[in-house]
Amino acid sequence: SFFCFFLGVCGDEFSILRSPQSVVFRDGSWPIPGERIPDVAALSMGFSVEDDLSWPGLAVGDLFHRPRATVLVTVKGVDKLTLPVKQVSYPIENAVPFSLDSVANSIHTLFSEETPVVLQLAPSEERVYMVGKANSVFEDLSVTLRQLRNRLFQDNSILSSLPLSSLSRNNEVDLLFLSELQVLHDIASLLSRHKHLAKDHSPDLYSLELVGLEEVGKRYGEDSQQFKDASQILVDSLQKFADEMFNLYGGNAVVEVVAVKAFNSPLTRKSRSILQSSQGKEENPYNLAYPYNYNYSVIFNIILWMMIGLALAVIVISYNLWNMDPGYDSIIYRMTNQKIRMD
């Protein structure tokens, strides 16, 4: 199973909130291209990428112990969040939109039989994609704007615990921002009820996109008290969420954040269908090979060594038959000779 969070853009930042000892991020100010952030997530999980990444920020780490989860949170509308000093951050150059579809595809291919948790969510766009065990774990997660609004006004919502300060529960923009924080809280809460899923052998992936802070900035201005309060609340909520997810996965999760002021170009990939609950079998119009399965190496070795053993057995038997002395080694010839002598 597995997680990651991200922050990014020119002035934008890619920050590591939590990571296990097996994943080593070096402390430095090396810029990371925005389009290569998914590759960093893939490499930190032990997956290969199409193009080599010559970025010194990510060290090799422990190849035999990969994180069980990766969580990626993209925060739009701010180029930098005031995170604790101990966190490792890198500047982002060429902040273009990105997605973790390639990482999700790698998980689907390598762990198709183990149904890992894959959750990609953008609350403001009502865009959600759940695969595998995520359907059962997060079936009660609020994903539409109407559901999010209703969730905020329930007794156990974050409104009862957050210091709203200058934010108002009567303003739609403020409620959008707070509803995204509610989603963070609910994801950790729902996962805590299914802790066994965080202990299996398949990695999990969480990709979240938050735009509430950007809307607060547009509504009140970036110099307003509302924007400052919202920024601080978001930082505290992200850190709490990172700690909860990190602990749920037994300290074996990568948690990163991308903070981006504005993307340089729109995201051109086709978006996921809303509330897709299952992934049916797709046709194979290109006659591609079947996905790699971990049982392949086991079956291959069984067949290979069985064939080698049979080949050696045939060679040894043939050699002994060819060099056999009929009069001494064969009971047939021996009995025939005795019968002739008696006659």
Foldseek 3Di string as FASTA:
>chain_A
DAAAAAFADQLIKKWWLAAFQQKAFDADAFADEQACVLVVVQQQQLHDDDDDDPTPRTDNGHNVAHFQHGHYEEEEADRDAPADPPMGMYYYYQNADYDNVVVVVVLCQEPVPVFAWEWAAEQVVLAIDTTGCVLVLCVVQDRHPVSLLVQCPDPPFCVVPDPQVPADNVDPLSSLLRSLLRNLVVSLVSCVVVLVSLVDDRHYYHYYYGHSLNSQCVVQNCVDPNSVSSSVSVNVSLSVSVVSVCVSNVNRYIYMHGHYHDHPDDDDDDGDDRPPNYDDDDDDPPPDDGRDYPCVVVVVVVVVVVVVVVVVVVVVVVVCVVPDDCCPPPPVNVVVVVVVVVD
